[in-house]
Amino acid sequence: MQNLAILAYLLAIGIAVYLLRHFRSLAWYWHGLAIAAAVGIALMPNPLGWNTPASDLAFGCVILMLLVWGLGGLMFWQPHEHKPKHA
């Protein structure tokens, strides 16, 4: 089970990095919202009947993916500069 957890967390990080590389950094508030969602999910108690290792792994992967995508997008975010148009 431990090897599966490591693979799942590496997959979550890989998905976040792929999204950052493919779509570039979006507006800062989307990445801030992803961080807030990850913290909200992490602080939320598990629903009744979901106290299994598989659900813990799934929640952990979602939290990790949102945190990596949110923090990575904020670290590499650059405001769009308006360049003068040439006629």
PDB file of N, CA and C in Angstrom:
ATOM      1  N   MET A   1       0.821  -1.195   0.000  1.00  0.00           N
ATOM      2  CA  MET A   1       0.000   0.000   0.000  1.00  0.00           C
ATOM      3  C   MET A   1       0.864   1.258   0.000  1.00  0.00           C
ATOM      4  N   GLN A   2       2.044   1.170   0.618  1.00  0.00           N
ATOM      5  CA  GLN A   2       2.904   2.344   0.685  1.00  0.00           C
ATOM      6  C   GLN A   2       3.434   2.714  -0.704  1.00  0.00           C
ATOM      7  N   ASN A   3       3.782   1.721  -1.512  1.00  0.00           N
ATOM      8  CA  ASN A   3       4.244   2.006  -2.868  1.00  0.00           C
ATOM      9  C   ASN A   3       3.142   2.626  -3.713  1.00  0.00           C
ATOM     10  N   LEU A   4       1.916   2.188  -3.503  1.00  0.00           N
ATOM     11  CA  LEU A   4       0.781   2.761  -4.216  1.00  0.00           C
ATOM     12  C   LEU A   4       0.588   4.226  -3.823  1.00  0.00           C
ATOM     13  N   ALA A   5       0.764   4.537  -2.561  1.00  0.00           N
ATOM     14  CA  ALA A   5       0.619   5.919  -2.107  1.00  0.00           C
ATOM     15  C   ALA A   5       1.690   6.807  -2.735  1.00  0.00           C
ATOM     16  N   ILE A   6       2.909   6.319  -2.787  1.00  0.00           N
ATOM     17  CA  ILE A   6       3.981   7.104  -3.395  1.00  0.00           C
ATOM     18  C   ILE A   6       3.693   7.346  -4.868  1.00  0.00           C
ATOM     19  N   LEU A   7       3.247   6.320  -5.570  1.00  0.00           N
ATOM     20  CA  LEU A   7       2.911   6.477  -6.992  1.00  0.00           C
ATOM     21  C   LEU A   7       1.741   7.440  -7.189  1.00  0.00           C
ATOM     22  N   ALA A   8       0.753   7.354  -6.323  1.00  0.00           N
ATOM     23  CA  ALA A   8      -0.405   8.244  -6.446  1.00  0.00           C
ATOM     24  C   ALA A   8      -0.008   9.703  -6.203  1.00  0.00           C
ATOM     25  N   TYR A   9       0.830   9.944  -5.218  1.00  0.00           N
ATOM     26  CA  TYR A   9       1.267  11.318  -4.943  1.00  0.00           C
ATOM     27  C   TYR A   9       2.167  11.841  -6.060  1.00  0.00           C
ATOM     28  N   LEU A  10       3.016  10.996  -6.614  1.00  0.00           N
ATOM     29  CA  LEU A  10       3.836  11.421  -7.746  1.00  0.00           C
ATOM     30  C   LEU A  10       2.969  11.717  -8.966  1.00  0.00           C
ATOM     31  N   LEU A  11       1.914  10.934  -9.166  1.00  0.00           N
ATOM     32  CA  LEU A  11       0.981  11.205 -10.261  1.00  0.00           C
ATOM     33  C   LEU A  11       0.268  12.541 -10.055  1.00  0.00           C
ATOM     34  N   ALA A  12      -0.132  12.840  -8.821  1.00  0.00           N
ATOM     35  CA  ALA A  12      -0.791  14.114  -8.531  1.00  0.00           C
ATOM     36  C   ALA A  12       0.146  15.291  -8.810  1.00  0.00           C
ATOM     37  N   ILE A  13       1.409  15.162  -8.424  1.00  0.00           N
ATOM     38  CA  ILE A  13       2.382  16.217  -8.703  1.00  0.00           C
ATOM     39  C   ILE A  13       2.616  16.326 -10.205  1.00  0.00           C
ATOM     40  N   GLY A  14       2.705  15.189 -10.882  1.00  0.00           N
ATOM     41  CA  GLY A  14       2.905  15.197 -12.326  1.00  0.00           C
ATOM     42  C   GLY A  14       1.758  15.861 -13.072  1.00  0.00           C
ATOM     43  N   ILE A  15       0.537  15.614 -12.648  1.00  0.00           N
ATOM     44  CA  ILE A  15      -0.622  16.250 -13.288  1.00  0.00           C
ATOM     45  C   ILE A  15      -0.571  17.757 -13.099  1.00  0.00           C
ATOM     46  N   ALA A  16      -0.229  18.203 -11.896  1.00  0.00           N
ATOM     47  CA  ALA A  16      -0.156  19.639 -11.629  1.00  0.00           C
ATOM     48  C   ALA A  16       0.941  20.303 -12.461  1.00  0.00           C
ATOM     49  N   VAL A  17       2.094  19.671 -12.556  1.00  0.00           N
ATOM     50  CA  VAL A  17       3.189  20.230 -13.345  1.00  0.00           C
ATOM     51  C   VAL A  17       2.826  20.235 -14.825  1.00  0.00           C
ATOM     52  N   TYR A  18       2.171  19.178 -15.300  1.00  0.00           N
ATOM     53  CA  TYR A  18       1.740  19.140 -16.703  1.00  0.00           C
ATOM     54  C   TYR A  18       0.764  20.280 -16.988  1.00  0.00           C
ATOM     55  N   LEU A  19      -0.197  20.506 -16.094  1.00  0.00           N
ATOM     56  CA  LEU A  19      -1.157  21.595 -16.303  1.00  0.00           C
ATOM     57  C   LEU A  19      -0.462  22.951 -16.326  1.00  0.00           C
ATOM     58  N   LEU A  20       0.537  23.131 -15.459  1.00  0.00           N
ATOM     59  CA  LEU A  20       1.277  24.391 -15.453  1.00  0.00           C
ATOM     60  C   LEU A  20       2.066  24.579 -16.747  1.00  0.00           C
ATOM     61  N   ARG A  21       2.679  23.517 -17.240  1.00  0.00           N
ATOM     62  CA  ARG A  21       3.478  23.637 -18.458  1.00  0.00           C
ATOM     63  C   ARG A  21       2.599  23.789 -19.698  1.00  0.00           C
ATOM     64  N   HIS A  22       1.476  23.096 -19.736  1.00  0.00           N
ATOM     65  CA  HIS A  22       0.630  23.110 -20.926  1.00  0.00           C
ATOM     66  C   HIS A  22      -0.192  24.394 -21.034  1.00  0.00           C
ATOM     67  N   PHE A  23      -0.799  24.812 -19.937  1.00  0.00           N
ATOM     68  CA  PHE A  23      -1.687  25.974 -19.971  1.00  0.00           C
ATOM     69  C   PHE A  23      -1.035  27.248 -19.465  1.00  0.00           C
ATOM     70  N   ARG A  24       0.198  27.152 -19.010  1.00  0.00           N
ATOM     71  CA  ARG A  24       0.918  28.277 -18.422  1.00  0.00           C
ATOM     72  C   ARG A  24       0.169  28.749 -17.179  1.00  0.00           C
ATOM     73  N   SER A  25       0.675  29.806 -16.581  1.00  0.00           N
ATOM     74  CA  SER A  25       0.056  30.338 -15.383  1.00  0.00           C
ATOM     75  C   SER A  25      -1.167  31.158 -15.773  1.00  0.00           C
ATOM     76  N   LEU A  26      -2.282  30.873 -15.120  1.00  0.00           N
ATOM     77  CA  LEU A  26      -3.505  31.625 -15.382  1.00  0.00           C
ATOM     78  C   LEU A  26      -3.515  32.871 -14.501  1.00  0.00           C
ATOM     79  N   ALA A  27      -4.642  33.520 -14.407  1.00  0.00           N
ATOM     80  CA  ALA A  27      -4.755  34.685 -13.538  1.00  0.00           C
ATOM     81  C   ALA A  27      -4.487  34.271 -12.091  1.00  0.00           C
ATOM     82  N   TRP A  28      -3.920  35.179 -11.334  1.00  0.00           N
ATOM     83  CA  TRP A  28      -3.479  34.854  -9.975  1.00  0.00           C
ATOM     84  C   TRP A  28      -4.616  34.379  -9.099  1.00  0.00           C
ATOM     85  N   TYR A  29      -5.829  34.875  -9.307  1.00  0.00           N
ATOM     86  CA  TYR A  29      -6.926  34.505  -8.413  1.00  0.00           C
ATOM     87  C   TYR A  29      -7.345  33.047  -8.591  1.00  0.00           C
ATOM     88  N   TRP A  30      -7.139  32.436  -9.768  1.00  0.00           N
ATOM     89  CA  TRP A  30      -7.452  31.018  -9.936  1.00  0.00           C
ATOM     90  C   TRP A  30      -6.504  30.157  -9.114  1.00  0.00           C
ATOM     91  N   HIS A  31      -5.246  30.547  -9.078  1.00  0.00           N
ATOM     92  CA  HIS A  31      -4.277  29.794  -8.302  1.00  0.00           C
ATOM     93  C   HIS A  31      -4.502  30.009  -6.804  1.00  0.00           C
ATOM     94  N   GLY A  32      -4.884  31.223  -6.430  1.00  0.00           N
ATOM     95  CA  GLY A  32      -5.238  31.472  -5.032  1.00  0.00           C
ATOM     96  C   GLY A  32      -6.466  30.685  -4.611  1.00  0.00           C
ATOM     97  N   LEU A  33      -7.437  30.576  -5.500  1.00  0.00           N
ATOM     98  CA  LEU A  33      -8.633  29.789  -5.219  1.00  0.00           C
ATOM     99  C   LEU A  33      -8.296  28.305  -5.080  1.00  0.00           C
ATOM    100  N   ALA A  34      -7.349  27.809  -5.881  1.00  0.00           N
ATOM    101  CA  ALA A  34      -6.932  26.412  -5.772  1.00  0.00           C
ATOM    102  C   ALA A  34      -6.273  26.149  -4.418  1.00  0.00           C
ATOM    103  N   ILE A  35      -5.457  27.086  -3.953  1.00  0.00           N
ATOM    104  CA  ILE A  35      -4.824  26.932  -2.640  1.00  0.00           C
ATOM    105  C   ILE A  35      -5.874  26.958  -1.542  1.00  0.00           C
ATOM    106  N   ALA A  36      -6.833  27.875  -1.648  1.00  0.00           N
ATOM    107  CA  ALA A  36      -7.907  27.955  -0.649  1.00  0.00           C
ATOM    108  C   ALA A  36      -8.751  26.678  -0.652  1.00  0.00           C
ATOM    109  N   ALA A  37      -9.015  26.126  -1.831  1.00  0.00           N
ATOM    110  CA  ALA A  37      -9.784  24.874  -1.914  1.00  0.00           C
ATOM    111  C   ALA A  37      -9.008  23.724  -1.293  1.00  0.00           C
ATOM    112  N   ALA A  38      -7.701  23.681  -1.525  1.00  0.00           N
ATOM    113  CA  ALA A  38      -6.888  22.616  -0.940  1.00  0.00           C
ATOM    114  C   ALA A  38      -6.882  22.702   0.579  1.00  0.00           C
ATOM    115  N   VAL A  39      -6.749  23.903   1.110  1.00  0.00           N
ATOM    116  CA  VAL A  39      -6.772  24.077   2.570  1.00  0.00           C
ATOM    117  C   VAL A  39      -8.150  23.727   3.117  1.00  0.00           C
ATOM    118  N   GLY A  40      -9.209  24.130   2.412  1.00  0.00           N
ATOM    119  CA  GLY A  40     -10.569  23.806   2.845  1.00  0.00           C
ATOM    120  C   GLY A  40     -10.833  22.312   2.859  1.00  0.00           C
ATOM    121  N   ILE A  41     -10.378  21.622   1.838  1.00  0.00           N
ATOM    122  CA  ILE A  41     -10.550  20.167   1.795  1.00  0.00           C
ATOM    123  C   ILE A  41      -9.739  19.504   2.898  1.00  0.00           C
ATOM    124  N   ALA A  42      -8.531  20.019   3.136  1.00  0.00           N
ATOM    125  CA  ALA A  42      -7.672  19.423   4.166  1.00  0.00           C
ATOM    126  C   ALA A  42      -8.262  19.596   5.569  1.00  0.00           C
ATOM    127  N   LEU A  43      -8.935  20.702   5.814  1.00  0.00           N
ATOM    128  CA  LEU A  43      -9.502  20.959   7.142  1.00  0.00           C
ATOM    129  C   LEU A  43     -10.888  20.356   7.329  1.00  0.00           C
ATOM    130  N   MET A  44     -11.498  19.900   6.259  1.00  0.00           N
ATOM    131  CA  MET A  44     -12.839  19.334   6.312  1.00  0.00           C
ATOM    132  C   MET A  44     -12.797  17.932   6.938  1.00  0.00           C
ATOM    133  N   PRO A  45     -13.724  17.629   7.835  1.00  0.00           N
ATOM    134  CA  PRO A  45     -13.756  16.258   8.366  1.00  0.00           C
ATOM    135  C   PRO A  45     -14.250  15.282   7.297  1.00  0.00           C
ATOM    136  N   ASN A  46     -13.781  14.044   7.382  1.00  0.00           N
ATOM    137  CA  ASN A  46     -14.215  13.023   6.423  1.00  0.00           C
ATOM    138  C   ASN A  46     -15.706  12.760   6.579  1.00  0.00           C
ATOM    139  N   PRO A  47     -16.417  12.589   5.468  1.00  0.00           N
ATOM    140  CA  PRO A  47     -17.828  12.218   5.563  1.00  0.00           C
ATOM    141  C   PRO A  47     -17.976  10.850   6.227  1.00  0.00           C
ATOM    142  N   LEU A  48     -19.141  10.620   6.814  1.00  0.00           N
ATOM    143  CA  LEU A  48     -19.381   9.336   7.476  1.00  0.00           C
ATOM    144  C   LEU A  48     -19.266   8.195   6.470  1.00  0.00           C
ATOM    145  N   GLY A  49     -18.586   7.150   6.857  1.00  0.00           N
ATOM    146  CA  GLY A  49     -18.416   6.001   5.997  1.00  0.00           C
ATOM    147  C   GLY A  49     -17.241   6.123   5.036  1.00  0.00           C
ATOM    148  N   TRP A  50     -16.529   7.243   5.060  1.00  0.00           N
ATOM    149  CA  TRP A  50     -15.403   7.447   4.159  1.00  0.00           C
ATOM    150  C   TRP A  50     -14.077   7.371   4.897  1.00  0.00           C
ATOM    151  N   ASN A  51     -14.049   6.739   6.033  1.00  0.00           N
ATOM    152  CA  ASN A  51     -12.826   6.617   6.822  1.00  0.00           C
ATOM    153  C   ASN A  51     -12.054   5.369   6.411  1.00  0.00           C
ATOM    154  N   THR A  52     -11.630   5.342   5.166  1.00  0.00           N
ATOM    155  CA  THR A  52     -10.857   4.212   4.648  1.00  0.00           C
ATOM    156  C   THR A  52      -9.523   4.728   4.130  1.00  0.00           C
ATOM    157  N   PRO A  53      -8.538   3.870   4.035  1.00  0.00           N
ATOM    158  CA  PRO A  53      -7.253   4.307   3.466  1.00  0.00           C
ATOM    159  C   PRO A  53      -7.372   4.794   2.020  1.00  0.00           C
ATOM    160  N   ALA A  54      -8.271   4.203   1.249  1.00  0.00           N
ATOM    161  CA  ALA A  54      -8.434   4.622  -0.142  1.00  0.00           C
ATOM    162  C   ALA A  54      -8.979   6.046  -0.239  1.00  0.00           C
ATOM    163  N   SER A  55      -9.942   6.398   0.613  1.00  0.00           N
ATOM    164  CA  SER A  55     -10.465   7.767   0.575  1.00  0.00           C
ATOM    165  C   SER A  55      -9.433   8.762   1.091  1.00  0.00           C
ATOM    166  N   ASP A  56      -8.648   8.366   2.092  1.00  0.00           N
ATOM    167  CA  ASP A  56      -7.568   9.239   2.557  1.00  0.00           C
ATOM    168  C   ASP A  56      -6.559   9.497   1.446  1.00  0.00           C
ATOM    169  N   LEU A  57      -6.238   8.468   0.679  1.00  0.00           N
ATOM    170  CA  LEU A  57      -5.310   8.606  -0.431  1.00  0.00           C
ATOM    171  C   LEU A  57      -5.890   9.515  -1.517  1.00  0.00           C
ATOM    172  N   ALA A  58      -7.165   9.350  -1.820  1.00  0.00           N
ATOM    173  CA  ALA A  58      -7.805  10.175  -2.845  1.00  0.00           C
ATOM    174  C   ALA A  58      -7.839  11.644  -2.420  1.00  0.00           C
ATOM    175  N   PHE A  59      -8.244  11.909  -1.172  1.00  0.00           N
ATOM    176  CA  PHE A  59      -8.259  13.286  -0.685  1.00  0.00           C
ATOM    177  C   PHE A  59      -6.849  13.869  -0.670  1.00  0.00           C
ATOM    178  N   GLY A  60      -5.876  13.077  -0.268  1.00  0.00           N
ATOM    179  CA  GLY A  60      -4.490  13.545  -0.244  1.00  0.00           C
ATOM    180  C   GLY A  60      -3.982  13.904  -1.625  1.00  0.00           C
ATOM    181  N   CYS A  61      -4.330  13.100  -2.616  1.00  0.00           N
ATOM    182  CA  CYS A  61      -3.913  13.390  -3.985  1.00  0.00           C
ATOM    183  C   CYS A  61      -4.542  14.677  -4.508  1.00  0.00           C
ATOM    184  N   VAL A  62      -5.820  14.865  -4.229  1.00  0.00           N
ATOM    185  CA  VAL A  62      -6.506  16.090  -4.675  1.00  0.00           C
ATOM    186  C   VAL A  62      -5.896  17.313  -3.995  1.00  0.00           C
ATOM    187  N   ILE A  63      -5.657  17.211  -2.699  1.00  0.00           N
ATOM    188  CA  ILE A  63      -5.065  18.330  -1.959  1.00  0.00           C
ATOM    189  C   ILE A  63      -3.674  18.651  -2.497  1.00  0.00           C
ATOM    190  N   LEU A  64      -2.862  17.630  -2.700  1.00  0.00           N
ATOM    191  CA  LEU A  64      -1.509  17.846  -3.195  1.00  0.00           C
ATOM    192  C   LEU A  64      -1.512  18.441  -4.595  1.00  0.00           C
ATOM    193  N   MET A  65      -2.380  17.953  -5.470  1.00  0.00           N
ATOM    194  CA  MET A  65      -2.449  18.480  -6.828  1.00  0.00           C
ATOM    195  C   MET A  65      -2.871  19.949  -6.829  1.00  0.00           C
ATOM    196  N   LEU A  66      -3.873  20.293  -6.027  1.00  0.00           N
ATOM    197  CA  LEU A  66      -4.315  21.680  -5.964  1.00  0.00           C
ATOM    198  C   LEU A  66      -3.238  22.591  -5.378  1.00  0.00           C
ATOM    199  N   LEU A  67      -2.534  22.123  -4.356  1.00  0.00           N
ATOM    200  CA  LEU A  67      -1.477  22.935  -3.752  1.00  0.00           C
ATOM    201  C   LEU A  67      -0.320  23.161  -4.719  1.00  0.00           C
ATOM    202  N   VAL A  68       0.115  22.119  -5.393  1.00  0.00           N
ATOM    203  CA  VAL A  68       1.233  22.268  -6.327  1.00  0.00           C
ATOM    204  C   VAL A  68       0.840  23.169  -7.486  1.00  0.00           C
ATOM    205  N   TRP A  69      -0.358  22.983  -8.033  1.00  0.00           N
ATOM    206  CA  TRP A  69      -0.807  23.820  -9.144  1.00  0.00           C
ATOM    207  C   TRP A  69      -0.981  25.269  -8.696  1.00  0.00           C
ATOM    208  N   GLY A  70      -1.566  25.464  -7.519  1.00  0.00           N
ATOM    209  CA  GLY A  70      -1.786  26.824  -7.032  1.00  0.00           C
ATOM    210  C   GLY A  70      -0.490  27.544  -6.714  1.00  0.00           C
ATOM    211  N   LEU A  71       0.390  26.902  -5.967  1.00  0.00           N
ATOM    212  CA  LEU A  71       1.659  27.540  -5.612  1.00  0.00           C
ATOM    213  C   LEU A  71       2.560  27.717  -6.835  1.00  0.00           C
ATOM    214  N   GLY A  72       2.599  26.729  -7.702  1.00  0.00           N
ATOM    215  CA  GLY A  72       3.410  26.844  -8.912  1.00  0.00           C
ATOM    216  C   GLY A  72       2.929  27.960  -9.817  1.00  0.00           C
ATOM    217  N   GLY A  73       1.625  28.124  -9.928  1.00  0.00           N
ATOM    218  CA  GLY A  73       1.090  29.200 -10.758  1.00  0.00           C
ATOM    219  C   GLY A  73       1.371  30.566 -10.179  1.00  0.00           C
ATOM    220  N   LEU A  74       1.344  30.687  -8.861  1.00  0.00           N
ATOM    221  CA  LEU A  74       1.644  31.976  -8.248  1.00  0.00           C
ATOM    222  C   LEU A  74       3.134  32.290  -8.310  1.00  0.00           C
ATOM    223  N   MET A  75       3.970  31.260  -8.246  1.00  0.00           N
ATOM    224  CA  MET A  75       5.414  31.507  -8.301  1.00  0.00           C
ATOM    225  C   MET A  75       5.851  31.962  -9.693  1.00  0.00           C
ATOM    226  N   PHE A  76       5.204  31.463 -10.736  1.00  0.00           N
ATOM    227  CA  PHE A  76       5.608  31.788 -12.097  1.00  0.00           C
ATOM    228  C   PHE A  76       4.644  32.740 -12.787  1.00  0.00           C
ATOM    229  N   TRP A  77       3.746  33.382 -12.038  1.00  0.00           N
ATOM    230  CA  TRP A  77       2.761  34.283 -12.638  1.00  0.00           C
ATOM    231  C   TRP A  77       3.435  35.588 -13.014  1.00  0.00           C
ATOM    232  N   GLN A  78       3.160  36.051 -14.214  1.00  0.00           N
ATOM    233  CA  GLN A  78       3.666  37.328 -14.686  1.00  0.00           C
ATOM    234  C   GLN A  78       2.501  38.125 -15.238  1.00  0.00           C
ATOM    235  N   PRO A  79       2.397  39.385 -14.839  1.00  0.00           N
ATOM    236  CA  PRO A  79       1.304  40.188 -15.386  1.00  0.00           C
ATOM    237  C   PRO A  79       1.494  40.392 -16.885  1.00  0.00           C
ATOM    238  N   HIS A  80       0.390  40.458 -17.591  1.00  0.00           N
ATOM    239  CA  HIS A  80       0.457  40.653 -19.036  1.00  0.00           C
ATOM    240  C   HIS A  80       0.799  42.103 -19.310  1.00  0.00           C
ATOM    241  N   GLU A  81       1.814  42.303 -20.127  1.00  0.00           N
ATOM    242  CA  GLU A  81       2.198  43.650 -20.489  1.00  0.00           C
ATOM    243  C   GLU A  81       1.566  43.991 -21.831  1.00  0.00           C
ATOM    244  N   HIS A  82       1.033  45.190 -21.890  1.00  0.00           N
ATOM    245  CA  HIS A  82       0.442  45.634 -23.146  1.00  0.00           C
ATOM    246  C   HIS A  82       1.542  46.239 -23.996  1.00  0.00           C
ATOM    247  N   LYS A  83       1.789  45.628 -25.112  1.00  0.00           N
ATOM    248  CA  LYS A  83       2.816  46.126 -26.011  1.00  0.00           C
ATOM    249  C   LYS A  83       2.154  47.050 -27.032  1.00  0.00           C
ATOM    250  N   PRO A  84       2.849  48.100 -27.393  1.00  0.00           N
ATOM    251  CA  PRO A  84       2.239  49.000 -28.393  1.00  0.00           C
ATOM    252  C   PRO A  84       2.071  48.293 -29.732  1.00  0.00           C
ATOM    253  N   LYS A  85       0.967  48.587 -30.358  1.00  0.00           N
ATOM    254  CA  LYS A  85       0.680  47.982 -31.653  1.00  0.00           C
ATOM    255  C   LYS A  85       1.356  48.799 -32.757  1.00  0.00           C
ATOM    256  N   HIS A  86       1.919  48.085 -33.694  1.00  0.00           N
ATOM    257  CA  HIS A  86       2.542  48.745 -34.837  1.00  0.00           C
ATOM    258  C   HIS A  86       1.617  48.639 -36.032  1.00  0.00           C
ATOM    259  N   ALA A  87       1.531  49.734 -36.736  1.00  0.00           N
ATOM    260  CA  ALA A  87       0.630  49.751 -37.886  1.00  0.00           C
ATOM    261  C   ALA A  87       1.269  49.186 -39.118  1.00  0.00           C
TER     262      ALA A  87
END
